[in-house]
Protein backbone atom coordinates (compact mmCIF):
# COMPACT_ATOMS: atom_id res chain seq x y z
CA MET A 1 -145.70 -78.20 101.07
CA LYS A 2 -142.87 -75.72 101.59
CA GLN A 3 -142.50 -72.65 99.41
CA VAL A 4 -140.36 -69.51 99.37
CA VAL A 5 -142.53 -66.42 98.74
CA PHE A 6 -142.48 -62.65 98.90
CA TYR A 7 -145.41 -60.36 99.71
CA LYS A 8 -143.69 -57.20 98.53
CA THR A 9 -140.83 -56.53 96.17
CA GLY A 10 -137.38 -55.66 97.49
CA LEU A 11 -133.99 -57.12 98.30
CA PRO A 12 -134.32 -60.93 98.49
CA LYS A 13 -132.82 -61.21 101.98
CA GLU A 14 -135.39 -58.70 103.24
CA VAL A 15 -138.60 -59.88 101.55
CA LEU A 16 -138.33 -63.66 101.02
CA GLN A 17 -139.82 -66.03 103.57
CA LEU A 18 -140.39 -69.76 103.91
CA GLU A 19 -143.95 -70.90 104.55
CA GLU A 20 -146.23 -73.91 104.40
CA ALA A 21 -148.86 -73.94 101.65
CA PRO A 22 -151.60 -76.34 100.47
CA MET A 23 -150.67 -78.92 97.86
CA PRO A 24 -151.58 -77.43 94.44
CA GLU A 25 -154.06 -79.28 92.23
CA PRO A 26 -153.41 -79.23 88.47
CA LYS A 27 -156.03 -78.02 86.01
CA ALA A 28 -157.13 -80.32 83.19
CA HIS A 29 -154.28 -79.21 80.89
CA GLU A 30 -151.58 -79.18 83.59
CA VAL A 31 -149.22 -81.65 85.21
CA ARG A 32 -148.10 -81.45 88.82
CA ILE A 33 -144.35 -81.65 89.33
CA LYS A 34 -142.38 -82.47 92.45
CA VAL A 35 -139.48 -80.05 92.00
CA THR A 36 -136.09 -81.64 92.68
CA ALA A 37 -133.69 -78.81 91.76
CA ARG A 38 -133.65 -75.21 90.62
CA ASN A 39 -130.79 -72.75 90.04
CA ILE A 40 -130.56 -69.09 90.99
CA ASN A 41 -130.38 -66.78 87.97
CA PRO A 42 -129.92 -62.98 87.85
CA SER A 43 -133.48 -62.74 86.46
CA ASP A 44 -134.78 -64.36 89.67
CA ILE A 45 -133.21 -61.60 91.77
CA MET A 46 -134.48 -58.86 89.45
CA PHE A 47 -138.00 -60.35 89.61
CA ILE A 48 -137.98 -60.34 93.43
CA ARG A 49 -136.84 -56.72 93.39
CA GLY A 50 -139.61 -55.74 90.96
CA MET A 51 -137.09 -54.76 88.29
CA TYR A 52 -137.69 -57.50 85.71
CA GLY A 53 -139.77 -57.38 82.52
CA ILE A 54 -142.49 -59.46 84.23
CA THR A 55 -144.29 -57.83 87.16
CA PRO A 56 -144.88 -60.18 90.13
CA LYS A 57 -148.50 -60.88 91.11
CA LEU A 58 -148.13 -60.71 94.87
CA PRO A 59 -147.73 -62.82 96.86
CA SER A 60 -145.39 -64.69 94.54
CA SER A 61 -142.78 -67.39 94.70
CA ALA A 62 -139.37 -66.80 93.12
CA GLY A 63 -137.52 -68.66 90.38
CA PHE A 64 -138.20 -69.35 86.71
CA GLU A 65 -136.32 -72.56 85.89
CA ALA A 66 -136.26 -76.07 87.41
CA VAL A 67 -136.29 -79.83 86.98
CA GLY A 68 -138.60 -82.29 88.70
CA ILE A 69 -140.68 -85.47 88.55
CA VAL A 70 -144.28 -85.53 87.29
CA ASP A 71 -146.38 -86.88 90.15
CA LYS A 72 -149.82 -86.20 88.61
CA SER A 73 -150.51 -86.11 84.87
CA ASP A 74 -152.93 -83.93 82.92
CA GLN A 75 -156.44 -85.07 82.04
CA LYS A 76 -155.24 -86.63 78.77
CA GLY A 77 -152.41 -88.48 80.48
CA SER A 78 -149.98 -87.00 77.94
CA ILE A 79 -146.98 -87.21 80.27
CA ALA A 80 -146.56 -90.32 82.40
CA VAL A 81 -146.29 -90.06 86.16
CA GLY A 82 -142.64 -90.53 87.13
CA THR A 83 -141.26 -88.70 84.08
CA LYS A 84 -138.37 -86.35 84.86
CA VAL A 85 -139.00 -83.00 83.16
CA ILE A 86 -137.29 -79.66 82.58
CA PHE A 87 -139.53 -76.60 82.66
CA THR A 88 -139.87 -72.86 83.17
CA THR A 89 -142.68 -71.15 85.05
CA ILE A 90 -143.11 -68.25 87.45
CA GLY A 91 -142.33 -69.46 90.96
CA THR A 92 -140.17 -72.59 91.05
CA TRP A 93 -138.98 -72.12 94.65
CA LYS A 94 -141.69 -74.51 95.85
CA GLU A 95 -141.80 -78.24 96.52
CA TYR A 96 -144.62 -78.75 93.98
CA VAL A 97 -145.76 -76.70 90.98
CA CYS A 98 -148.44 -77.12 88.32
CA VAL A 99 -147.39 -76.40 84.73
CA PRO A 100 -149.21 -76.78 81.37
CA SER A 101 -148.25 -80.16 79.95
CA ASN A 102 -147.17 -78.61 76.63
CA MET A 103 -144.62 -76.44 78.46
CA VAL A 104 -142.51 -79.23 79.95
CA ILE A 105 -139.67 -81.11 78.26
CA PRO A 106 -138.63 -84.64 79.23
CA SER A 107 -135.13 -84.51 80.67
CA PRO A 108 -132.60 -86.46 78.57
CA PRO A 109 -131.69 -89.80 80.18
CA GLY A 110 -128.50 -89.57 82.19
CA MET A 111 -128.59 -85.79 82.69
CA PRO A 112 -128.00 -85.00 86.40
CA ASP A 113 -130.45 -82.69 88.18
CA GLU A 114 -127.79 -80.01 88.74
CA VAL A 115 -127.31 -79.82 84.96
CA ALA A 116 -130.97 -80.30 83.99
CA CYS A 117 -132.14 -77.46 86.25
CA GLN A 118 -129.96 -75.03 84.29
CA ALA A 119 -130.41 -76.57 80.84
CA PHE A 120 -133.09 -74.15 79.69
CA VAL A 121 -132.58 -70.41 80.21
CA ASN A 122 -128.85 -69.81 79.80
CA PRO A 123 -128.02 -72.53 77.21
CA LEU A 124 -131.00 -71.65 75.02
CA THR A 125 -130.30 -67.92 75.33
CA ALA A 126 -126.70 -68.53 74.25
CA TYR A 127 -127.85 -70.71 71.35
CA GLY A 128 -130.60 -68.29 70.32
CA MET A 129 -128.39 -65.22 70.39
CA LEU A 130 -125.69 -66.92 68.33
CA GLU A 131 -128.30 -68.02 65.80
CA SER A 132 -129.83 -64.52 65.66
CA SER A 133 -126.49 -62.71 65.49
CA GLY A 134 -125.58 -63.91 62.01
CA LEU A 135 -121.97 -64.38 63.14
CA LYS A 136 -119.81 -66.49 60.86
CA ASP A 137 -116.55 -68.40 61.16
CA GLY A 138 -113.68 -66.00 61.81
CA GLN A 139 -115.77 -63.03 62.93
CA TRP A 140 -115.40 -61.36 66.34
CA LEU A 141 -117.92 -61.46 69.20
CA LEU A 142 -117.54 -59.39 72.38
CA VAL A 143 -119.31 -60.73 75.50
CA THR A 144 -119.63 -58.51 78.59
CA ALA A 145 -119.68 -60.07 82.08
CA ALA A 146 -118.28 -63.18 80.43
CA ALA A 147 -117.41 -65.02 83.64
CA SER A 148 -121.14 -65.55 84.25
CA ALA A 149 -122.78 -68.92 83.63
CA TYR A 150 -124.24 -67.54 80.39
CA GLY A 151 -120.89 -66.08 79.31
CA LYS A 152 -119.08 -69.38 79.75
CA LEU A 153 -121.75 -71.18 77.73
CA VAL A 154 -121.68 -68.72 74.83
CA ILE A 155 -117.87 -68.88 74.67
CA GLN A 156 -117.99 -72.67 74.31
CA MET A 157 -120.79 -72.61 71.72
CA ALA A 158 -119.20 -69.82 69.70
CA LYS A 159 -115.86 -71.63 69.51
CA GLN A 160 -117.60 -74.65 67.98
CA LYS A 161 -118.70 -72.34 65.16
CA GLY A 162 -115.21 -70.89 64.66
CA ILE A 163 -116.24 -67.48 66.03
CA LYS A 164 -113.51 -65.44 67.74
CA VAL A 165 -114.54 -64.39 71.24
CA ALA A 166 -113.45 -61.36 73.25
CA CYS A 167 -114.63 -61.10 76.86
CA THR A 168 -114.81 -58.58 79.65
CA VAL A 169 -114.14 -59.50 83.28
CA ARG A 170 -113.39 -57.53 86.46
CA ARG A 171 -110.75 -59.79 88.05
CA ASP A 172 -107.48 -61.14 86.64
CA GLU A 173 -108.06 -64.63 88.04
CA GLN A 174 -111.05 -64.98 85.70
CA LYS A 175 -108.84 -64.57 82.63
CA GLU A 176 -107.24 -68.01 82.74
CA LEU A 177 -110.60 -69.69 83.35
CA LEU A 178 -112.17 -68.14 80.24
CA GLU A 179 -109.09 -68.70 78.09
CA LYS A 180 -109.25 -72.41 78.94
CA LEU A 181 -112.87 -72.42 77.70
CA GLY A 182 -111.71 -70.98 74.37
CA ALA A 183 -111.84 -67.19 74.71
CA ASP A 184 -109.39 -65.52 72.32
CA LEU A 185 -109.15 -62.27 74.25
CA VAL A 186 -110.06 -61.51 77.88
CA ILE A 187 -110.00 -57.90 79.09
CA ASN A 188 -110.08 -56.80 82.72
CA THR A 189 -112.08 -53.60 82.39
CA GLU A 190 -111.03 -52.50 85.89
CA ARG A 191 -107.42 -52.12 84.67
CA GLU A 192 -107.54 -52.03 80.85
CA LYS A 193 -109.24 -49.72 78.36
CA LEU A 194 -111.75 -51.84 76.48
CA GLN A 195 -111.89 -49.94 73.18
CA LYS A 196 -108.10 -49.58 73.01
CA VAL A 197 -107.45 -53.31 73.52
CA ILE A 198 -110.21 -54.32 71.11
CA LEU A 199 -108.89 -52.06 68.36
CA GLU A 200 -105.31 -53.27 68.87
CA GLN A 201 -106.31 -56.93 68.71
CA THR A 202 -108.98 -56.84 65.98
CA GLN A 203 -107.82 -53.84 63.88
CA GLU A 204 -111.42 -52.80 63.03
CA GLY A 205 -113.46 -53.64 66.10
CA VAL A 206 -115.81 -56.54 66.83
CA ASP A 207 -118.69 -57.61 64.61
CA VAL A 208 -121.23 -58.21 67.38
CA VAL A 209 -121.57 -57.46 71.10
CA PHE A 210 -123.69 -59.48 73.53
CA ASP A 211 -124.26 -57.11 76.45
CA ALA A 212 -125.68 -58.10 79.84
CA VAL A 213 -124.40 -55.11 81.81
CA GLY A 214 -125.59 -51.80 80.36
CA GLY A 215 -124.37 -48.53 81.85
CA VAL A 216 -120.88 -47.24 81.14
CA LEU A 217 -119.51 -50.67 80.21
CA GLY A 218 -122.33 -51.09 77.71
CA ALA A 219 -121.39 -47.75 76.13
CA ARG A 220 -117.73 -48.79 75.89
CA ALA A 221 -118.72 -52.10 74.34
CA LEU A 222 -120.87 -50.24 71.81
CA ALA A 223 -117.86 -48.09 70.91
CA SER A 224 -115.85 -51.30 70.31
CA LEU A 225 -118.02 -52.30 67.35
CA LYS A 226 -116.72 -52.08 63.81
CA THR A 227 -118.62 -50.16 61.14
CA GLY A 228 -121.87 -51.99 60.43
CA GLY A 229 -121.66 -53.87 63.73
CA LYS A 230 -124.51 -54.86 66.01
CA MET A 231 -125.09 -54.87 69.76
CA MET A 232 -127.57 -57.36 71.22
CA VAL A 233 -128.75 -56.34 74.70
CA PHE A 234 -130.17 -59.03 76.98
CA GLY A 235 -129.50 -57.84 80.53
CA LEU A 236 -128.93 -54.86 82.80
CA LEU A 237 -126.65 -56.06 85.60
CA SER A 238 -125.45 -52.52 86.31
CA LEU A 239 -129.09 -51.38 86.74
CA GLU A 240 -128.15 -48.41 84.53
CA ASN A 241 -129.26 -47.79 80.96
CA ILE A 242 -126.65 -47.51 78.21
CA PRO A 243 -125.83 -43.86 77.40
CA LEU A 244 -126.10 -44.19 73.62
CA ASN A 245 -123.73 -42.18 71.43
CA SER A 246 -125.88 -41.03 68.51
CA GLY A 247 -122.80 -40.22 66.43
CA LEU A 248 -121.64 -43.83 66.58
CA LEU A 249 -125.05 -45.06 65.47
CA ILE A 250 -125.16 -42.62 62.57
CA PHE A 251 -121.62 -42.61 61.20
CA LYS A 252 -120.68 -46.23 61.90
CA ASN A 253 -124.11 -47.59 60.92
CA ILE A 254 -124.33 -49.50 64.21
CA LYS A 255 -127.50 -51.31 65.25
CA VAL A 256 -128.73 -51.99 68.79
CA GLU A 257 -131.43 -54.57 69.45
CA GLY A 258 -132.84 -56.42 72.41
CA PHE A 259 -133.05 -60.16 72.98
CA TRP A 260 -135.45 -61.97 75.30
CA LEU A 261 -135.60 -65.76 75.20
CA THR A 262 -139.39 -65.88 75.62
CA THR A 263 -139.98 -63.66 72.58
CA TRP A 264 -137.39 -65.48 70.46
CA MET A 265 -138.85 -68.90 71.21
CA ALA A 266 -142.40 -67.69 70.50
CA GLY A 267 -141.29 -66.92 66.95
CA LEU A 268 -139.80 -70.36 66.26
CA SER A 269 -141.47 -73.06 64.21
CA PRO A 270 -142.01 -76.44 65.92
CA GLU A 271 -139.12 -77.83 63.87
CA SER A 272 -136.76 -75.00 64.89
CA THR A 273 -137.78 -75.40 68.53
CA GLN A 274 -136.99 -79.10 68.38
CA THR A 275 -133.62 -78.38 66.76
CA ALA A 276 -132.77 -75.85 69.46
CA PHE A 277 -133.48 -78.24 72.32
CA LYS A 278 -131.79 -81.16 70.61
CA THR A 279 -128.65 -79.11 69.94
CA VAL A 280 -128.43 -77.72 73.48
CA PHE A 281 -129.14 -81.04 75.20
CA THR A 282 -126.63 -82.85 72.98
CA HIS A 283 -123.96 -80.28 73.89
CA LEU A 284 -124.66 -80.70 77.61
CA LEU A 285 -124.87 -84.50 77.59
CA SER A 286 -121.68 -84.89 75.56
CA GLN A 287 -119.99 -82.27 77.76
CA LYS A 288 -118.87 -80.39 74.67
CA VAL A 289 -120.47 -77.54 76.61
CA LYS A 290 -120.08 -77.71 80.40
CA VAL A 291 -121.94 -75.97 83.19
CA ASP A 292 -120.47 -75.28 86.62
CA VAL A 293 -122.01 -75.74 90.06
CA GLU A 294 -120.58 -73.77 92.97
CA ALA A 295 -122.77 -75.11 95.79
CA THR A 296 -126.06 -76.87 96.56
CA PHE A 297 -128.51 -75.98 99.35
CA ARG A 298 -131.86 -77.35 100.50
CA LEU A 299 -134.82 -75.11 99.68
CA GLU A 300 -135.33 -74.17 103.32
CA LYS A 301 -131.72 -72.91 103.39
CA PHE A 302 -132.49 -70.32 100.71
CA GLY A 303 -130.96 -67.57 102.86
CA GLU A 304 -127.57 -69.30 102.89
CA ALA A 305 -127.95 -69.98 99.17
CA LEU A 306 -128.48 -66.27 98.48
CA GLU A 307 -125.37 -65.41 100.51
CA ALA A 308 -123.39 -67.89 98.41
CA TYR A 309 -124.91 -66.41 95.22
CA GLU A 310 -123.70 -62.92 96.21
CA LYS A 311 -120.20 -64.13 97.07
CA GLU A 312 -117.41 -62.31 95.21
CA GLY A 313 -115.52 -64.52 92.79
CA ARG A 314 -118.18 -67.25 92.49
CA ASN A 315 -117.55 -69.41 89.40
CA GLY A 316 -120.59 -71.69 89.31
CA LYS A 317 -124.33 -71.85 89.82
CA ILE A 318 -126.04 -72.02 93.19
CA ILE A 319 -128.58 -74.85 93.24
CA LEU A 320 -131.63 -75.21 95.49
CA THR A 321 -132.85 -78.79 96.03
CA SER A 322 -136.01 -80.10 97.69
């Protein structure tokens, strides 16, 4: 089978390579999946560079999220051969992977592969952060890097709850796109002062910030919170830590906390987990929440896919198919 692997961490275009590998054999509790599609997420790139929260065991394949067809069941036969499943695991940039049977989710009937392969990480992170935020109808949420796939999802989900959404972008052409999705306020931080615009439009500041950027923008977003507000940090796109202003934390009673989907899901009851998946899948199937695809490439064309991923102004996911 074909797989994309790296033997050392570094820039993807420098360390990734395509190679042939033996067909994997599942353990008693695992199913083998013929992967049909996987999307490229920022976490995939960070993992390859050795900058993610999980350290690669080298050599390693890339990718965490995918959809595929079960071609060999576990010893109990708990998932029928031929079942289309959504799953996460370390190393999805392969033609076949083996995954514990209790970690795969049957794909809803009628959901296309290009949607199913991105139905886990970003939609569930958006859902989980909104649930954890405590935001209510009429309150303000600020989302940094809001033109990302995650940002567009959280805007759509927040609007269904009546939450007012402010967004940061770096290009004016992204404003109209996010406003059409339901954003109440879109700020180009390359040309506008974030705190000034937020204060003018909200009077007090926002109730919650979802920050994926860190660095200077993260600090400005923190300063845009109202008294008693909360920042939820879930990414570090700038590769720079937030320079925290201790005075803001003290005198405005601001809280900063991290969010990682894996940890959040580990704390859910079986009933809450089922509700989360049902809610997210219903949104995607009904197209109340839409995901965008920019381009699709075969797995062996991963180099071209990475170039498309890095392209300035990209508005949709890059998908790798087998």
